[in-house]
Amino acid sequence: MLSTDHPGFLKQMLACWNWKCALLSATIRSLVFISAMVHSGRADRLAVVLVEMSYVTLTAGFYAALQQRALGLRSRLLGNIIVVIGVPGLAQFLDWTAHCVTASVAPARATFAVCIFAVLSALFHLHVMRNGVFLTGHGRSLADDFRRVPRLVAGFVTLPFTTLAARMARPATALESDAAL
């Protein structure tokens, strides 16, 4: 077990940190928060947004690293559950806790918006990571990842339809092969 006084601890922690996802998450989540709070009329909305930006910038890279590691689990289903439910659930809980500790609790509307965004983001994150994008330590630059994003967005949007079509075609294919026997 590695202790925090080990000289390589910080280096190992930073090596796990997924800076690509930290940058993207902090930018996008902050925009979601700002959008949801524009009409809140609260005097402390800047504090809420600043807490969100700070917290997400510091933690999103570690959460993405956990998700990236989950992709390597022997059970693909378990890895998917960790990526889509486990890590985002932990992140949302700790995010809420950070807002409570700093007395900058976000209004329900902003919290709901960020939770919806977290679910969609986690599903998209799983899709792009399974396709080798926004991973660290794989020799691809952020620019290379961005070049692949339009195709991945299209694939993500059409995924429910292609999955449904494949499931509907599967029984017909099985019946055809049985008839050939």
Protein backbone atom coordinates (compact mmCIF):
# COMPACT_ATOMS: atom_id res chain seq x y z
CA MET A 1 0.00 0.00 0.00
CA LEU A 2 1.29 3.44 -0.92
CA SER A 3 1.36 6.09 1.82
CA THR A 4 1.03 9.81 1.23
CA ASP A 5 4.59 10.44 2.46
CA HIS A 6 6.03 8.31 -0.34
CA PRO A 7 7.95 10.59 -2.75
CA GLY A 8 6.16 9.25 -5.81
CA PHE A 9 2.64 9.65 -4.38
CA LEU A 10 1.93 13.04 -5.97
CA LYS A 11 3.45 11.91 -9.25
CA GLN A 12 1.23 8.81 -9.29
CA MET A 13 -1.86 10.82 -8.40
CA LEU A 14 -1.19 13.30 -11.18
CA ALA A 15 -0.48 10.47 -13.63
CA CYS A 16 -3.98 9.13 -12.95
CA TRP A 17 -5.63 12.54 -13.29
CA ASN A 18 -7.46 12.84 -16.62
CA TRP A 19 -6.78 16.48 -17.51
CA LYS A 20 -8.78 16.27 -20.74
CA CYS A 21 -12.00 15.43 -18.91
CA ALA A 22 -11.23 17.89 -16.11
CA LEU A 23 -10.97 20.74 -18.60
CA LEU A 24 -14.12 19.78 -20.49
CA SER A 25 -16.19 18.99 -17.40
CA ALA A 26 -15.32 22.21 -15.59
CA THR A 27 -16.16 24.30 -18.65
CA ILE A 28 -19.42 22.60 -19.54
CA ARG A 29 -20.76 22.08 -15.99
CA SER A 30 -20.05 25.70 -15.14
CA LEU A 31 -22.01 26.80 -18.21
CA VAL A 32 -24.92 24.55 -17.17
CA PHE A 33 -24.85 26.03 -13.66
CA ILE A 34 -24.66 29.61 -14.94
CA SER A 35 -27.55 28.98 -17.35
CA ALA A 36 -29.71 27.44 -14.64
CA MET A 37 -28.99 30.27 -12.20
CA VAL A 38 -29.36 33.28 -14.51
CA HIS A 39 -32.92 33.93 -13.42
CA SER A 40 -32.60 32.72 -9.83
CA GLY A 41 -32.44 36.22 -8.37
CA ARG A 42 -30.07 35.05 -5.65
CA ALA A 43 -27.36 37.39 -4.50
CA ASP A 44 -24.89 34.53 -3.90
CA ARG A 45 -25.13 33.01 -7.38
CA LEU A 46 -21.53 33.98 -8.18
CA ALA A 47 -20.36 32.10 -5.07
CA VAL A 48 -22.35 29.02 -6.15
CA VAL A 49 -20.80 29.11 -9.63
CA LEU A 50 -17.29 29.66 -8.25
CA VAL A 51 -17.64 26.71 -5.86
CA GLU A 52 -18.87 24.58 -8.77
CA MET A 53 -16.00 25.61 -11.05
CA SER A 54 -13.38 25.07 -8.35
CA TYR A 55 -14.75 21.75 -7.19
CA VAL A 56 -15.22 20.34 -10.70
CA THR A 57 -11.81 21.52 -11.91
CA LEU A 58 -10.10 19.81 -8.98
CA THR A 59 -12.07 16.56 -9.00
CA ALA A 60 -13.29 15.81 -12.53
CA GLY A 61 -9.89 14.53 -13.63
CA PHE A 62 -9.81 12.00 -10.80
CA TYR A 63 -13.38 10.88 -11.46
CA ALA A 64 -12.53 10.41 -15.15
CA ALA A 65 -9.46 8.40 -14.13
CA LEU A 66 -11.71 6.11 -12.06
CA GLN A 67 -14.00 5.74 -15.05
CA GLN A 68 -11.07 5.02 -17.36
CA ARG A 69 -9.82 2.32 -14.99
CA ALA A 70 -13.35 0.82 -14.79
CA LEU A 71 -13.23 0.25 -18.56
CA GLY A 72 -10.53 -2.35 -17.96
CA LEU A 73 -12.60 -4.49 -15.58
CA ARG A 74 -13.18 -8.06 -16.65
CA SER A 75 -16.94 -7.57 -16.39
CA ARG A 76 -17.96 -5.06 -19.05
CA LEU A 77 -21.37 -4.62 -17.35
CA LEU A 78 -19.74 -3.77 -14.01
CA GLY A 79 -17.40 -1.31 -15.73
CA ASN A 80 -20.35 0.35 -17.47
CA ILE A 81 -22.29 0.62 -14.19
CA ILE A 82 -19.29 2.20 -12.47
CA VAL A 83 -18.81 4.66 -15.35
CA VAL A 84 -22.48 5.65 -15.69
CA ILE A 85 -23.85 5.35 -12.13
CA GLY A 86 -21.12 4.84 -9.53
CA VAL A 87 -18.64 7.60 -10.30
CA PRO A 88 -21.25 10.25 -11.29
CA GLY A 89 -23.34 9.43 -8.20
CA LEU A 90 -20.29 9.87 -5.97
CA ALA A 91 -19.37 13.08 -7.79
CA GLN A 92 -22.88 14.54 -7.42
CA PHE A 93 -23.00 13.67 -3.71
CA LEU A 94 -19.59 15.22 -3.03
CA ASP A 95 -20.50 18.26 -5.17
CA TRP A 96 -23.65 18.79 -3.09
CA THR A 97 -21.57 18.37 0.09
CA ALA A 98 -19.04 20.98 -1.12
CA HIS A 99 -21.88 23.46 -1.68
CA CYS A 100 -23.32 22.74 1.78
CA VAL A 101 -19.94 23.16 3.49
CA THR A 102 -19.32 26.48 1.76
CA ALA A 103 -22.90 27.66 2.45
CA SER A 104 -23.45 28.19 -1.26
CA VAL A 105 -26.22 25.68 -1.79
CA ALA A 106 -27.52 25.80 -5.32
CA PRO A 107 -31.23 26.20 -5.98
CA ALA A 108 -33.18 23.05 -6.81
CA ARG A 109 -33.43 24.08 -10.47
CA ALA A 110 -29.66 24.28 -10.86
CA THR A 111 -29.12 21.02 -8.97
CA PHE A 112 -31.70 19.25 -11.14
CA ALA A 113 -30.13 20.64 -14.34
CA VAL A 114 -26.68 19.46 -13.29
CA CYS A 115 -28.00 16.00 -12.35
CA ILE A 116 -29.65 15.60 -15.77
CA PHE A 117 -26.44 16.81 -17.38
CA ALA A 118 -24.42 14.33 -15.27
CA VAL A 119 -26.49 11.37 -16.50
CA LEU A 120 -26.24 12.38 -20.15
CA SER A 121 -22.57 13.26 -19.73
CA ALA A 122 -21.81 9.88 -18.13
CA LEU A 123 -23.52 8.03 -20.97
CA PHE A 124 -21.64 10.08 -23.56
CA HIS A 125 -18.40 9.67 -21.59
CA LEU A 126 -18.85 5.90 -21.64
CA HIS A 127 -19.47 6.00 -25.40
CA VAL A 128 -16.40 8.08 -26.24
CA MET A 129 -14.11 6.27 -23.79
CA ARG A 130 -15.16 2.89 -25.23
CA ASN A 131 -14.13 4.37 -28.59
CA GLY A 132 -10.70 5.47 -27.29
CA VAL A 133 -11.37 9.22 -26.98
CA PHE A 134 -10.65 11.53 -24.01
CA LEU A 135 -8.42 8.91 -22.44
CA THR A 136 -5.08 9.84 -20.96
CA GLY A 137 -1.92 7.86 -21.43
CA HIS A 138 -2.83 6.59 -24.88
CA GLY A 139 -0.72 8.93 -27.00
CA ARG A 140 -3.57 10.95 -28.50
CA SER A 141 -3.66 14.69 -28.21
CA LEU A 142 -6.75 16.65 -27.21
CA ALA A 143 -6.86 17.98 -30.79
CA ASP A 144 -6.95 14.38 -32.11
CA ASP A 145 -9.81 13.64 -29.73
CA PHE A 146 -11.75 16.70 -30.87
CA ARG A 147 -11.37 15.66 -34.51
CA ARG A 148 -13.19 12.42 -33.67
CA VAL A 149 -15.97 14.09 -31.68
CA PRO A 150 -18.43 14.88 -34.54
CA ARG A 151 -18.54 11.22 -35.60
CA LEU A 152 -18.87 10.11 -31.98
CA VAL A 153 -21.69 12.59 -31.28
CA ALA A 154 -23.54 11.29 -34.34
CA GLY A 155 -22.97 7.72 -33.17
CA PHE A 156 -24.16 8.58 -29.66
CA VAL A 157 -27.34 10.26 -30.90
CA THR A 158 -28.19 7.38 -33.24
CA LEU A 159 -27.14 4.63 -30.79
CA PRO A 160 -30.64 4.04 -29.34
CA PHE A 161 -32.03 3.63 -32.86
CA THR A 162 -29.25 1.36 -34.13
CA THR A 163 -29.46 -0.75 -30.96
CA LEU A 164 -33.24 -1.09 -31.31
CA ALA A 165 -32.93 -1.97 -35.00
CA ALA A 166 -30.27 -4.61 -34.22
CA ARG A 167 -32.47 -6.15 -31.50
CA MET A 168 -35.48 -6.22 -33.80
CA ALA A 169 -33.44 -7.83 -36.60
CA ARG A 170 -31.90 -10.48 -34.35
CA PRO A 171 -35.00 -12.68 -33.88
CA ALA A 172 -35.74 -12.52 -37.60
CA THR A 173 -32.19 -13.65 -38.41
CA ALA A 174 -32.47 -16.53 -35.92
CA LEU A 175 -35.75 -17.64 -37.49
CA GLU A 176 -34.26 -17.51 -40.99
CA SER A 177 -31.28 -19.63 -39.96
CA ASP A 178 -33.59 -22.16 -38.27
CA ALA A 179 -35.70 -22.38 -41.43
CA ALA A 180 -32.60 -23.11 -43.52
CA LEU A 181 -31.91 -26.23 -41.45
